[in-house]
């Protein structure tokens, strides 16, 4: 991806995260970059094209994060053998890295903020919000817990992921982000210890 194309993508995502996708115009994106709409259109066909590229990038990065920690990159149905090899300890380490990723990585954090704003404006955005930040991760955790033979996998998945989800919001508003991250990790460890009993 050319530097200019990448720059447009990042600036657009930052604007979408701040103001919401619907509120941002192509003119506004171009203006932030001191370029004309025509120059922007040489890189992207439309605002929707920019958005689609953001979602594609997020999908790719999500898969890369999972692969880096040797975690399943897709649903259980498409890779059941991968779900069978994950240990609880490995999953906890991965979860801590995902928390850092969704709060500290500029792209992922901005994507999360954009979906949080936009979830109330369209069914498509609500579906993406669910897929990336609510039901999708909860289902993923439940499937992993089932394979780990953890009691009450659905209930424990909700408890586990609700903790992460709560701390995303806490982290966003925290004056001391290191403290918020540490509190999240302590709570996660406590939940896991309770699950092991």
C-alpha atoms as a PDB file:
ATOM      1  CA  UNK A   1       0.000   0.000   0.000  1.00  0.00           C
ATOM      2  CA  UNK A   2       1.425   3.392  -0.973  1.00  0.00           C
ATOM      3  CA  UNK A   3       2.239   5.814   1.825  1.00  0.00           C
ATOM      4  CA  UNK A   4      -0.423   8.268   0.685  1.00  0.00           C
ATOM      5  CA  UNK A   5      -3.055   5.540   0.489  1.00  0.00           C
ATOM      6  CA  UNK A   6      -2.090   4.357   3.971  1.00  0.00           C
ATOM      7  CA  UNK A   7      -2.180   7.938   5.266  1.00  0.00           C
ATOM      8  CA  UNK A   8      -5.716   8.404   3.925  1.00  0.00           C
ATOM      9  CA  UNK A   9      -6.822   5.160   5.590  1.00  0.00           C
ATOM     10  CA  UNK A  10      -5.422   6.154   8.995  1.00  0.00           C
ATOM     11  CA  UNK A  11      -6.718   9.741   8.888  1.00  0.00           C
ATOM     12  CA  UNK A  12     -10.172   8.500   7.835  1.00  0.00           C
ATOM     13  CA  UNK A  13     -10.223   5.930  10.638  1.00  0.00           C
ATOM     14  CA  UNK A  14      -9.247   8.581  13.206  1.00  0.00           C
ATOM     15  CA  UNK A  15     -12.049  10.833  11.965  1.00  0.00           C
ATOM     16  CA  UNK A  16     -14.555   7.949  11.986  1.00  0.00           C
ATOM     17  CA  UNK A  17     -13.468   7.084  15.554  1.00  0.00           C
ATOM     18  CA  UNK A  18     -13.903  10.672  16.701  1.00  0.00           C
ATOM     19  CA  UNK A  19     -17.033  11.757  14.809  1.00  0.00           C
ATOM     20  CA  UNK A  20     -18.608   8.534  13.528  1.00  0.00           C
ATOM     21  CA  UNK A  21     -18.559   7.157  10.000  1.00  0.00           C
ATOM     22  CA  UNK A  22     -21.795   8.817   8.917  1.00  0.00           C
ATOM     23  CA  UNK A  23     -20.695  12.289  10.055  1.00  0.00           C
ATOM     24  CA  UNK A  24     -17.414  12.317   8.115  1.00  0.00           C
ATOM     25  CA  UNK A  25     -17.314  13.382   4.464  1.00  0.00           C
ATOM     26  CA  UNK A  26     -14.728  12.680   1.793  1.00  0.00           C
ATOM     27  CA  UNK A  27     -14.093  16.448   1.684  1.00  0.00           C
ATOM     28  CA  UNK A  28     -13.283  16.398   5.391  1.00  0.00           C
ATOM     29  CA  UNK A  29     -10.851  13.487   4.978  1.00  0.00           C
ATOM     30  CA  UNK A  30      -9.175  15.215   2.016  1.00  0.00           C
ATOM     31  CA  UNK A  31      -9.044  18.504   3.943  1.00  0.00           C
ATOM     32  CA  UNK A  32      -7.264  16.879   6.884  1.00  0.00           C
ATOM     33  CA  UNK A  33      -4.602  15.726   4.433  1.00  0.00           C
ATOM     34  CA  UNK A  34      -4.347  19.001   2.491  1.00  0.00           C
ATOM     35  CA  UNK A  35      -5.388  17.251  -0.690  1.00  0.00           C
ATOM     36  CA  UNK A  36      -8.277  17.615  -3.103  1.00  0.00           C
ATOM     37  CA  UNK A  37     -11.166  15.185  -3.275  1.00  0.00           C
ATOM     38  CA  UNK A  38      -9.969  14.306  -6.782  1.00  0.00           C
ATOM     39  CA  UNK A  39      -6.531  13.360  -5.455  1.00  0.00           C
ATOM     40  CA  UNK A  40      -8.154  11.213  -2.764  1.00  0.00           C
ATOM     41  CA  UNK A  41     -10.328   9.500  -5.362  1.00  0.00           C
ATOM     42  CA  UNK A  42      -7.166   8.363  -7.191  1.00  0.00           C
ATOM     43  CA  UNK A  43      -6.512   6.133  -4.156  1.00  0.00           C
ATOM     44  CA  UNK A  44     -10.056   5.178  -3.072  1.00  0.00           C
ATOM     45  CA  UNK A  45     -13.281   5.091  -5.101  1.00  0.00           C
ATOM     46  CA  UNK A  46     -15.444   6.378  -2.240  1.00  0.00           C
ATOM     47  CA  UNK A  47     -15.782   6.793   1.508  1.00  0.00           C
ATOM     48  CA  UNK A  48     -17.279   3.310   1.516  1.00  0.00           C
ATOM     49  CA  UNK A  49     -14.176   1.964  -0.223  1.00  0.00           C
ATOM     50  CA  UNK A  50     -12.040   3.464   2.551  1.00  0.00           C
ATOM     51  CA  UNK A  51     -14.285   1.879   5.177  1.00  0.00           C
ATOM     52  CA  UNK A  52     -14.156  -1.523   3.471  1.00  0.00           C
ATOM     53  CA  UNK A  53     -10.343  -1.349   3.424  1.00  0.00           C
ATOM     54  CA  UNK A  54     -10.357  -0.517   7.149  1.00  0.00           C
ATOM     55  CA  UNK A  55     -12.503  -3.605   7.863  1.00  0.00           C
ATOM     56  CA  UNK A  56     -10.251  -5.779   5.653  1.00  0.00           C
ATOM     57  CA  UNK A  57      -7.184  -4.502   7.512  1.00  0.00           C
ATOM     58  CA  UNK A  58      -8.834  -5.233  10.847  1.00  0.00           C
ATOM     59  CA  UNK A  59      -9.672  -8.787   9.750  1.00  0.00           C
ATOM     60  CA  UNK A  60      -6.099  -9.328   8.617  1.00  0.00           C
ATOM     61  CA  UNK A  61      -4.601  -7.898  11.828  1.00  0.00           C
ATOM     62  CA  UNK A  62      -7.005  -9.946  13.954  1.00  0.00           C
ATOM     63  CA  UNK A  63      -5.863 -13.115  12.203  1.00  0.00           C
ATOM     64  CA  UNK A  64      -2.203 -12.126  12.581  1.00  0.00           C
ATOM     65  CA  UNK A  65      -2.667 -11.560  16.326  1.00  0.00           C
ATOM     66  CA  UNK A  66      -4.186 -15.030  16.722  1.00  0.00           C
ATOM     67  CA  UNK A  67      -1.477 -16.655  14.600  1.00  0.00           C
ATOM     68  CA  UNK A  68       1.270 -14.956  16.605  1.00  0.00           C
ATOM     69  CA  UNK A  69      -0.046 -16.637  19.770  1.00  0.00           C
ATOM     70  CA  UNK A  70      -0.821 -19.919  17.980  1.00  0.00           C
ATOM     71  CA  UNK A  71      -4.541 -19.425  18.597  1.00  0.00           C
ATOM     72  CA  UNK A  72      -7.418 -20.358  16.267  1.00  0.00           C
ATOM     73  CA  UNK A  73      -7.896 -17.639  13.665  1.00  0.00           C
ATOM     74  CA  UNK A  74     -11.419 -18.614  12.692  1.00  0.00           C
ATOM     75  CA  UNK A  75     -14.599 -20.226  13.990  1.00  0.00           C
ATOM     76  CA  UNK A  76     -14.525 -23.694  15.528  1.00  0.00           C
ATOM     77  CA  UNK A  77     -16.382 -25.262  12.599  1.00  0.00           C
ATOM     78  CA  UNK A  78     -13.651 -24.314  10.135  1.00  0.00           C
ATOM     79  CA  UNK A  79     -10.669 -25.367  12.282  1.00  0.00           C
ATOM     80  CA  UNK A  80     -11.777 -27.738  15.092  1.00  0.00           C
ATOM     81  CA  UNK A  81      -8.301 -29.296  15.494  1.00  0.00           C
ATOM     82  CA  UNK A  82      -6.806 -25.870  16.316  1.00  0.00           C
ATOM     83  CA  UNK A  83      -9.282 -25.422  19.183  1.00  0.00           C
ATOM     84  CA  UNK A  84      -8.200 -28.716  20.710  1.00  0.00           C
ATOM     85  CA  UNK A  85      -4.567 -27.663  21.200  1.00  0.00           C
ATOM     86  CA  UNK A  86      -5.095 -24.457  23.223  1.00  0.00           C
ATOM     87  CA  UNK A  87      -4.279 -24.500  26.938  1.00  0.00           C
ATOM     88  CA  UNK A  88      -5.887 -22.169  29.472  1.00  0.00           C
ATOM     89  CA  UNK A  89      -2.515 -20.590  30.292  1.00  0.00           C
ATOM     90  CA  UNK A  90      -1.821 -19.896  26.616  1.00  0.00           C
ATOM     91  CA  UNK A  91      -5.279 -18.417  26.230  1.00  0.00           C
ATOM     92  CA  UNK A  92      -4.786 -16.103  29.227  1.00  0.00           C
ATOM     93  CA  UNK A  93      -1.527 -14.789  27.739  1.00  0.00           C
ATOM     94  CA  UNK A  94      -3.269 -14.258  24.418  1.00  0.00           C
ATOM     95  CA  UNK A  95      -6.143 -12.441  26.149  1.00  0.00           C
ATOM     96  CA  UNK A  96      -3.724 -10.084  27.881  1.00  0.00           C
ATOM     97  CA  UNK A  97      -2.079  -9.351  24.551  1.00  0.00           C
ATOM     98  CA  UNK A  98      -5.497  -8.767  22.959  1.00  0.00           C
ATOM     99  CA  UNK A  99      -6.417  -6.313  25.683  1.00  0.00           C
ATOM    100  CA  UNK A 100      -3.242  -4.374  24.943  1.00  0.00           C
ATOM    101  CA  UNK A 101      -3.935  -4.630  21.217  1.00  0.00           C
ATOM    102  CA  UNK A 102      -7.523  -3.307  21.430  1.00  0.00           C
ATOM    103  CA  UNK A 103      -6.554  -0.461  23.788  1.00  0.00           C
ATOM    104  CA  UNK A 104      -3.027   0.564  22.750  1.00  0.00           C
ATOM    105  CA  UNK A 105      -2.679  -0.308  19.075  1.00  0.00           C
ATOM    106  CA  UNK A 106      -3.720   2.852  17.223  1.00  0.00           C
ATOM    107  CA  UNK A 107      -5.545   1.057  14.417  1.00  0.00           C
ATOM    108  CA  UNK A 108      -7.422  -1.475  16.577  1.00  0.00           C
ATOM    109  CA  UNK A 109      -8.266   1.083  19.258  1.00  0.00           C
ATOM    110  CA  UNK A 110      -9.627   3.546  16.683  1.00  0.00           C
ATOM    111  CA  UNK A 111     -11.615   0.765  15.007  1.00  0.00           C
ATOM    112  CA  UNK A 112     -13.139  -0.205  18.369  1.00  0.00           C
ATOM    113  CA  UNK A 113     -14.065   3.407  19.109  1.00  0.00           C
ATOM    114  CA  UNK A 114     -15.601   3.851  15.655  1.00  0.00           C
ATOM    115  CA  UNK A 115     -17.792   0.760  16.084  1.00  0.00           C
ATOM    116  CA  UNK A 116     -18.800   1.829  19.581  1.00  0.00           C
ATOM    117  CA  UNK A 117     -20.098   5.132  18.178  1.00  0.00           C
ATOM    118  CA  UNK A 118     -21.646   3.677  15.024  1.00  0.00           C
ATOM    119  CA  UNK A 119     -23.363   0.614  16.513  1.00  0.00           C
ATOM    120  CA  UNK A 120     -26.499   2.686  17.150  1.00  0.00           C
ATOM    121  CA  UNK A 121     -26.691   4.140  13.647  1.00  0.00           C
ATOM    122  CA  UNK A 122     -26.945   1.131  11.364  1.00  0.00           C
ATOM    123  CA  UNK A 123     -27.574  -2.583  11.416  1.00  0.00           C
ATOM    124  CA  UNK A 124     -24.349  -3.217   9.525  1.00  0.00           C
ATOM    125  CA  UNK A 125     -22.305  -1.373  12.164  1.00  0.00           C
ATOM    126  CA  UNK A 126     -24.178  -3.154  14.956  1.00  0.00           C
ATOM    127  CA  UNK A 127     -23.294  -6.475  13.308  1.00  0.00           C
ATOM    128  CA  UNK A 128     -19.622  -5.517  13.048  1.00  0.00           C
ATOM    129  CA  UNK A 129     -19.655  -4.325  16.667  1.00  0.00           C
ATOM    130  CA  UNK A 130     -21.100  -7.671  17.742  1.00  0.00           C
ATOM    131  CA  UNK A 131     -18.662  -9.637  15.577  1.00  0.00           C
ATOM    132  CA  UNK A 132     -15.533  -7.896  16.845  1.00  0.00           C
ATOM    133  CA  UNK A 133     -16.420  -6.752  20.343  1.00  0.00           C
ATOM    134  CA  UNK A 134     -19.346  -8.651  21.876  1.00  0.00           C
ATOM    135  CA  UNK A 135     -20.924 -11.908  20.699  1.00  0.00           C
ATOM    136  CA  UNK A 136     -18.040 -12.906  18.400  1.00  0.00           C
ATOM    137  CA  UNK A 137     -15.350 -12.900  21.127  1.00  0.00           C
ATOM    138  CA  UNK A 138     -17.735 -14.435  23.681  1.00  0.00           C
ATOM    139  CA  UNK A 139     -18.565 -17.326  21.336  1.00  0.00           C
ATOM    140  CA  UNK A 140     -14.854 -17.797  20.587  1.00  0.00           C
ATOM    141  CA  UNK A 141     -14.060 -18.005  24.325  1.00  0.00           C
ATOM    142  CA  UNK A 142     -16.971 -20.405  24.915  1.00  0.00           C
ATOM    143  CA  UNK A 143     -15.755 -22.743  22.172  1.00  0.00           C
ATOM    144  CA  UNK A 144     -12.232 -22.698  23.602  1.00  0.00           C
ATOM    145  CA  UNK A 145     -13.522 -23.353  27.128  1.00  0.00           C
ATOM    146  CA  UNK A 146     -15.638 -26.285  25.877  1.00  0.00           C
ATOM    147  CA  UNK A 147     -12.532 -27.877  24.373  1.00  0.00           C
ATOM    148  CA  UNK A 148     -10.598 -27.211  27.597  1.00  0.00           C
ATOM    149  CA  UNK A 149     -13.379 -29.048  29.496  1.00  0.00           C
ATOM    150  CA  UNK A 150     -14.025 -26.031  31.701  1.00  0.00           C
ATOM    151  CA  UNK A 151     -17.262 -26.287  33.683  1.00  0.00           C
ATOM    152  CA  UNK A 152     -20.147 -24.150  32.448  1.00  0.00           C
ATOM    153  CA  UNK A 153     -18.242 -22.931  29.381  1.00  0.00           C
ATOM    154  CA  UNK A 154     -20.890 -20.439  28.282  1.00  0.00           C
ATOM    155  CA  UNK A 155     -21.265 -18.846  31.723  1.00  0.00           C
ATOM    156  CA  UNK A 156     -17.508 -18.720  32.245  1.00  0.00           C
ATOM    157  CA  UNK A 157     -16.973 -17.274  28.760  1.00  0.00           C
ATOM    158  CA  UNK A 158     -19.388 -14.450  29.557  1.00  0.00           C
ATOM    159  CA  UNK A 159     -17.682 -13.807  32.900  1.00  0.00           C
ATOM    160  CA  UNK A 160     -14.235 -13.903  31.299  1.00  0.00           C
ATOM    161  CA  UNK A 161     -15.032 -11.688  28.329  1.00  0.00           C
ATOM    162  CA  UNK A 162     -17.278  -9.288  30.275  1.00  0.00           C
ATOM    163  CA  UNK A 163     -14.209  -8.497  32.358  1.00  0.00           C
ATOM    164  CA  UNK A 164     -12.218  -7.616  29.232  1.00  0.00           C
ATOM    165  CA  UNK A 165     -15.051  -5.580  27.788  1.00  0.00           C
ATOM    166  CA  UNK A 166     -15.543  -3.626  31.027  1.00  0.00           C
ATOM    167  CA  UNK A 167     -11.853  -2.828  31.269  1.00  0.00           C
ATOM    168  CA  UNK A 168     -11.755  -1.537  27.670  1.00  0.00           C
ATOM    169  CA  UNK A 169     -14.098   1.239  28.775  1.00  0.00           C
ATOM    170  CA  UNK A 170     -12.293   1.758  32.038  1.00  0.00           C
ATOM    171  CA  UNK A 171      -8.966   2.007  30.212  1.00  0.00           C
ATOM    172  CA  UNK A 172     -10.322   4.572  27.727  1.00  0.00           C
ATOM    173  CA  UNK A 173     -11.247   6.971  30.539  1.00  0.00           C
ATOM    174  CA  UNK A 174      -8.376   6.208  32.910  1.00  0.00           C
ATOM    175  CA  UNK A 175      -5.898   8.905  33.849  1.00  0.00           C
ATOM    176  CA  UNK A 176      -3.428   6.145  34.752  1.00  0.00           C
ATOM    177  CA  UNK A 177      -3.596   3.680  31.867  1.00  0.00           C
ATOM    178  CA  UNK A 178      -0.832   1.442  33.285  1.00  0.00           C
ATOM    179  CA  UNK A 179      -2.864   1.040  36.481  1.00  0.00           C
ATOM    180  CA  UNK A 180      -6.028   0.193  34.506  1.00  0.00           C
ATOM    181  CA  UNK A 181      -4.120  -2.437  32.503  1.00  0.00           C
ATOM    182  CA  UNK A 182      -2.668  -3.896  35.702  1.00  0.00           C
ATOM    183  CA  UNK A 183      -6.136  -4.031  37.305  1.00  0.00           C
ATOM    184  CA  UNK A 184      -7.453  -5.839  34.244  1.00  0.00           C
ATOM    185  CA  UNK A 185      -4.661  -8.427  34.360  1.00  0.00           C
ATOM    186  CA  UNK A 186      -5.149  -9.018  38.102  1.00  0.00           C
ATOM    187  CA  UNK A 187      -8.902  -9.489  37.641  1.00  0.00           C
ATOM    188  CA  UNK A 188      -8.317 -11.840  34.711  1.00  0.00           C
ATOM    189  CA  UNK A 189      -5.926 -13.969  36.769  1.00  0.00           C
ATOM    190  CA  UNK A 190      -8.460 -14.092  39.606  1.00  0.00           C
ATOM    191  CA  UNK A 191     -11.274 -15.207  37.283  1.00  0.00           C
ATOM    192  CA  UNK A 192      -9.046 -17.920  35.799  1.00  0.00           C
ATOM    193  CA  UNK A 193      -8.068 -19.195  39.251  1.00  0.00           C
ATOM    194  CA  UNK A 194     -11.747 -19.451  40.183  1.00  0.00           C
ATOM    195  CA  UNK A 195     -12.441 -21.368  36.970  1.00  0.00           C
ATOM    196  CA  UNK A 196      -9.702 -23.881  37.797  1.00  0.00           C
ATOM    197  CA  UNK A 197     -11.342 -24.806  41.126  1.00  0.00           C
END
